[in-house]
Protein backbone atom coordinates (compact mmCIF):
# COMPACT_ATOMS: atom_id res chain seq x y z
CA MET A 1 -2.52 27.35 9.25
CA ALA A 2 -3.31 29.91 6.81
CA PRO A 3 -7.35 30.40 6.78
CA ASP A 4 -7.50 29.94 3.00
CA ALA A 5 -5.55 26.58 3.53
CA LYS A 6 -6.51 23.89 1.45
CA ARG A 7 -8.64 20.72 2.76
CA ALA A 8 -6.66 17.51 2.51
CA VAL A 9 -8.10 14.13 4.10
CA VAL A 10 -5.02 12.09 5.64
CA LEU A 11 -5.73 8.38 6.30
CA LEU A 12 -4.30 7.96 10.19
CA SER A 13 -3.77 4.49 11.52
CA GLY A 14 -2.05 6.05 15.11
CA GLY A 15 1.09 4.34 13.95
CA LEU A 16 4.64 6.03 12.78
CA ASP A 17 3.99 6.39 8.88
CA SER A 18 0.72 8.05 9.34
CA ALA A 19 1.41 10.00 11.95
CA THR A 20 4.54 11.29 10.16
CA ALA A 21 2.68 11.41 6.84
CA LEU A 22 -0.45 14.05 9.02
CA ALA A 23 2.89 16.24 9.89
CA ILE A 24 3.90 16.18 5.79
CA ALA A 25 0.18 18.01 4.86
CA LYS A 26 0.19 20.08 8.03
CA ARG A 27 3.84 21.55 6.89
CA GLU A 28 2.72 21.80 2.96
CA GLY A 29 -0.12 24.12 4.02
CA TYR A 30 -3.13 22.03 3.90
CA ALA A 31 -5.81 21.72 6.42
CA PRO A 32 -5.90 18.43 7.34
CA TYR A 33 -8.74 16.72 8.20
CA ALA A 34 -7.54 12.99 9.49
CA LEU A 35 -9.99 9.98 8.89
CA SER A 36 -9.13 6.45 11.16
CA PHE A 37 -11.04 3.19 11.17
CA SER A 38 -12.27 1.03 13.58
CA TYR A 39 -12.58 -2.06 11.51
CA GLY A 40 -12.45 -5.00 13.31
CA GLN A 41 -8.65 -4.82 13.73
CA ARG A 42 -6.74 -6.82 16.50
CA HIS A 43 -4.78 -3.92 17.14
CA ALA A 44 -7.72 -1.50 17.78
CA TRP A 45 -5.17 0.29 20.69
CA GLU A 46 -3.99 1.91 17.64
CA LEU A 47 -7.07 4.37 17.57
CA GLU A 48 -6.05 5.61 20.69
CA ALA A 49 -2.93 6.76 19.26
CA ALA A 50 -4.83 8.05 16.18
CA LYS A 51 -6.90 10.52 18.37
CA ARG A 52 -3.73 11.63 20.30
CA VAL A 53 -1.84 12.14 17.28
CA ALA A 54 -4.89 14.13 15.65
CA ALA A 55 -4.67 16.41 18.20
CA ALA A 56 -0.95 16.75 18.85
CA ILE A 57 -0.23 17.85 14.80
CA GLY A 58 -3.26 19.78 14.20
CA ALA A 59 -6.03 17.94 12.42
CA VAL A 60 -8.68 20.22 11.75
CA GLU A 61 -10.87 17.39 12.33
CA HIS A 62 -10.78 13.38 13.15
CA ARG A 63 -13.39 10.97 12.04
CA ILE A 64 -13.58 7.42 13.06
CA ALA A 65 -15.55 5.51 11.04
CA ALA A 66 -16.55 1.83 12.23
CA ILE A 67 -16.77 -0.79 9.50
CA ASP A 68 -16.11 -4.31 10.61
CA LEU A 69 -13.88 -6.76 8.27
CA ARG A 70 -14.34 -9.29 10.76
CA VAL A 71 -16.85 -10.36 8.76
CA PHE A 72 -14.63 -11.38 5.73
CA GLY A 73 -11.63 -12.27 7.79
CA GLY A 74 -8.40 -13.44 6.34
CA SER A 75 -5.96 -12.07 8.09
CA ALA A 76 -3.66 -12.32 11.61
CA LEU A 77 -5.39 -8.69 12.32
CA THR A 78 -8.75 -9.62 11.84
CA ALA A 79 -9.23 -13.21 12.24
CA GLU A 80 -8.06 -15.95 14.63
CA ILE A 81 -4.77 -16.35 12.91
CA ASP A 82 -1.80 -15.94 15.06
CA VAL A 83 0.70 -13.05 14.45
CA PRO A 84 4.16 -14.03 12.67
CA LYS A 85 6.71 -13.18 15.57
CA GLY A 86 9.88 -12.61 15.43
CA ARG A 87 10.65 -12.62 11.42
CA ALA A 88 14.38 -11.63 9.81
CA THR A 89 13.98 -8.37 7.70
CA ASP A 90 14.82 -10.96 4.91
CA GLU A 91 11.53 -13.20 5.42
CA MET A 92 9.92 -10.16 5.93
CA SER A 93 10.24 -9.19 2.22
CA HIS A 94 9.59 -12.18 1.04
CA GLY A 95 5.80 -12.88 -0.28
CA ILE A 96 2.46 -11.42 1.38
CA PRO A 97 2.34 -11.85 5.29
CA VAL A 98 -0.71 -12.78 7.25
CA THR A 99 -0.90 -9.75 8.48
CA TYR A 100 -2.24 -8.39 4.96
CA VAL A 101 -5.69 -7.24 5.33
CA PRO A 102 -7.27 -8.31 2.38
CA ALA A 103 -8.28 -4.83 0.16
CA ARG A 104 -7.76 -2.84 2.84
CA ASN A 105 -6.26 0.38 1.31
CA THR A 106 -8.78 -0.27 -1.26
CA ILE A 107 -11.77 0.34 1.27
CA PHE A 108 -9.88 3.05 3.34
CA LEU A 109 -8.99 5.33 0.09
CA SER A 110 -12.77 5.10 -0.83
CA PHE A 111 -13.56 6.44 2.38
CA ALA A 112 -11.39 8.98 2.10
CA LEU A 113 -12.35 10.07 -1.57
CA ALA A 114 -16.27 9.92 0.04
CA TRP A 115 -15.24 12.39 2.75
CA ALA A 116 -12.74 14.63 0.40
CA GLU A 117 -15.58 15.33 -2.39
CA VAL A 118 -18.17 16.22 0.74
CA LEU A 119 -15.51 18.06 2.01
CA GLY A 120 -14.45 19.73 -1.79
CA ALA A 121 -10.93 18.84 -1.05
CA SER A 122 -8.78 17.62 -4.01
CA ASP A 123 -6.54 15.62 -1.40
CA ILE A 124 -5.63 12.75 -0.04
CA PHE A 125 -2.82 11.81 1.86
CA ILE A 126 -1.76 7.62 2.82
CA GLY A 127 1.56 6.90 4.40
CA VAL A 128 2.19 4.22 1.89
CA ASN A 129 5.84 3.12 1.84
CA ALA A 130 6.82 0.86 -0.49
CA LEU A 131 10.38 -0.33 1.07
CA ASP A 132 9.72 -1.37 4.50
CA TYR A 133 6.40 -2.57 4.14
CA SER A 134 6.27 -5.85 4.78
CA GLY A 135 4.93 -7.00 1.47
CA TYR A 136 1.42 -5.52 1.27
CA PRO A 137 0.48 -4.91 -2.31
CA ASP A 138 -1.76 -2.11 -2.13
CA CYS A 139 1.04 -0.18 -0.55
CA ARG A 140 3.08 -0.05 -4.00
CA PRO A 141 3.17 2.76 -6.48
CA GLU A 142 1.54 1.32 -9.35
CA PHE A 143 -1.35 0.52 -6.83
CA ILE A 144 -1.83 4.33 -5.98
CA ALA A 145 -1.24 5.31 -9.55
CA ALA A 146 -4.40 3.42 -10.58
CA TYR A 147 -6.41 4.02 -7.80
CA GLU A 148 -5.81 8.25 -8.30
CA THR A 149 -7.32 6.77 -12.01
CA MET A 150 -9.79 5.57 -10.84
CA ALA A 151 -11.25 7.86 -8.18
CA ASN A 152 -11.29 10.80 -10.74
CA LEU A 153 -13.58 8.55 -13.39
CA ALA A 154 -15.93 7.39 -10.34
CA THR A 155 -16.44 10.61 -8.52
CA LYS A 156 -18.92 13.58 -9.38
CA ALA A 157 -15.86 16.22 -8.56
CA GLY A 158 -14.05 14.22 -11.13
CA VAL A 159 -15.59 14.29 -13.89
CA GLY A 160 -16.80 17.23 -13.76
CA GLY A 161 -13.43 18.48 -13.67
CA ARG A 162 -13.70 21.12 -10.94
CA GLN A 163 -12.37 18.76 -8.44
CA PRO A 164 -10.10 16.29 -9.82
CA LEU A 165 -7.77 14.43 -7.23
CA LYS A 166 -4.78 13.82 -6.14
CA ILE A 167 -3.22 10.80 -3.76
CA HIS A 168 0.13 12.05 -2.06
CA THR A 169 2.29 9.36 -0.69
CA PRO A 170 4.81 11.40 0.71
CA LEU A 171 6.44 8.33 2.45
CA ILE A 172 6.55 5.35 -0.46
CA ALA A 173 9.58 5.36 -1.42
CA MET A 174 11.62 6.10 2.09
CA THR A 175 12.90 3.45 4.52
CA LYS A 176 11.61 3.73 7.95
CA ALA A 177 14.56 5.24 9.17
CA GLN A 178 14.32 8.13 6.15
CA ILE A 179 10.79 8.24 7.63
CA ILE A 180 11.00 8.59 11.62
CA ALA A 181 14.25 11.27 10.30
CA LYS A 182 11.70 13.24 9.20
CA GLY A 183 9.37 13.21 11.45
CA ILE A 184 11.83 14.05 13.73
CA GLU A 185 12.48 17.08 11.22
CA LEU A 186 8.80 18.22 11.69
CA GLY A 187 8.47 17.83 15.55
CA VAL A 188 6.12 14.57 15.46
CA ASP A 189 6.06 13.00 18.92
CA TYR A 190 6.28 9.26 18.31
CA ARG A 191 6.08 8.37 21.94
CA LEU A 192 2.07 9.33 21.01
CA THR A 193 2.17 6.51 18.01
CA SER A 194 1.16 2.48 17.89
CA SER A 195 2.56 0.39 15.72
CA CYS A 196 2.37 -3.42 16.99
CA TYR A 197 -0.15 -5.73 16.16
CA ASP A 198 -0.52 -7.49 18.98
CA PRO A 199 -0.29 -4.97 21.54
CA GLY A 200 -0.95 -5.60 25.89
CA PRO A 201 -4.02 -4.67 26.88
CA GLY A 202 -2.91 -0.89 27.41
CA GLY A 203 -1.19 -1.16 24.71
CA GLU A 204 2.05 -2.18 24.84
CA PRO A 205 4.21 -2.92 21.89
CA CYS A 206 4.52 -6.88 21.48
CA GLY A 207 8.10 -6.04 20.47
CA GLN A 208 8.33 -9.08 17.88
CA CYS A 209 5.52 -8.45 15.19
CA ASP A 210 7.06 -6.83 11.74
CA SER A 211 5.55 -3.81 12.54
CA CYS A 212 7.45 -3.61 15.76
CA LEU A 213 11.04 -5.04 14.03
CA LEU A 214 10.61 -2.49 11.66
CA ARG A 215 10.00 0.39 13.76
CA ALA A 216 12.83 -0.50 15.93
CA LYS A 217 14.96 -1.12 12.99
CA GLY A 218 14.28 2.28 11.30
CA PHE A 219 15.36 4.10 15.10
CA ARG A 220 17.85 2.08 15.58
CA GLU A 221 19.46 3.34 12.43
CA ASN A 222 18.86 6.67 13.61
CA GLY A 223 21.05 5.81 16.41
CA ILE A 224 18.54 6.64 18.93
CA GLU A 225 15.96 4.68 21.41
CA ASP A 226 11.83 4.11 20.31
CA PRO A 227 10.75 7.25 22.51
CA ILE A 228 7.34 4.35 23.29
CA LEU A 229 9.96 2.65 24.90
CA SER A 230 10.31 4.99 28.11
CA ARG A 231 6.87 5.63 27.93
């Protein structure tokens, strides 16, 4: 990494998409500062994956912000609601599933915005995807564009014009298979990642939640086995 590399905050869940986004930020010459969240999620094992991914890809720093979205619930990831299992791909593409966490990306981006302003960074990377994304409204291009506009109105740096914020969404128009292919090209070790919404006590993927099924489909379409299965 060049000593004068521009700083960027990269939202890092520990999953496949965010790991690829971190690798892309690094390849594009940014000095990446990874930001994860302990938000009371059912799949908190992903934070162990995030630590591994941040170290392997070479984040300058990795912070985990603690917030508790269980105070609101409303999601299978933050409340006692069953995670859907065994859904067909066409089912996933209709409606908003119960694994949607209300306002999650809005909240996460707000934290990223705050850290970016402190770091003097003008760039935030988020691994949202508008194709294989299970119907989440806060993964759409319209949401990102609106948030970027708001961010540049809401910060001292943006209003002053010295630090206009750009939200990068390098995966937004890619299928899961394309994301995996890109990550492999960049040397991402997907064995380190965790995508499951309902993992076992040791992080073992359930293999049947929407996230597991979309991940499996992506590897299958690349003609390779998901390396997490042989971990």
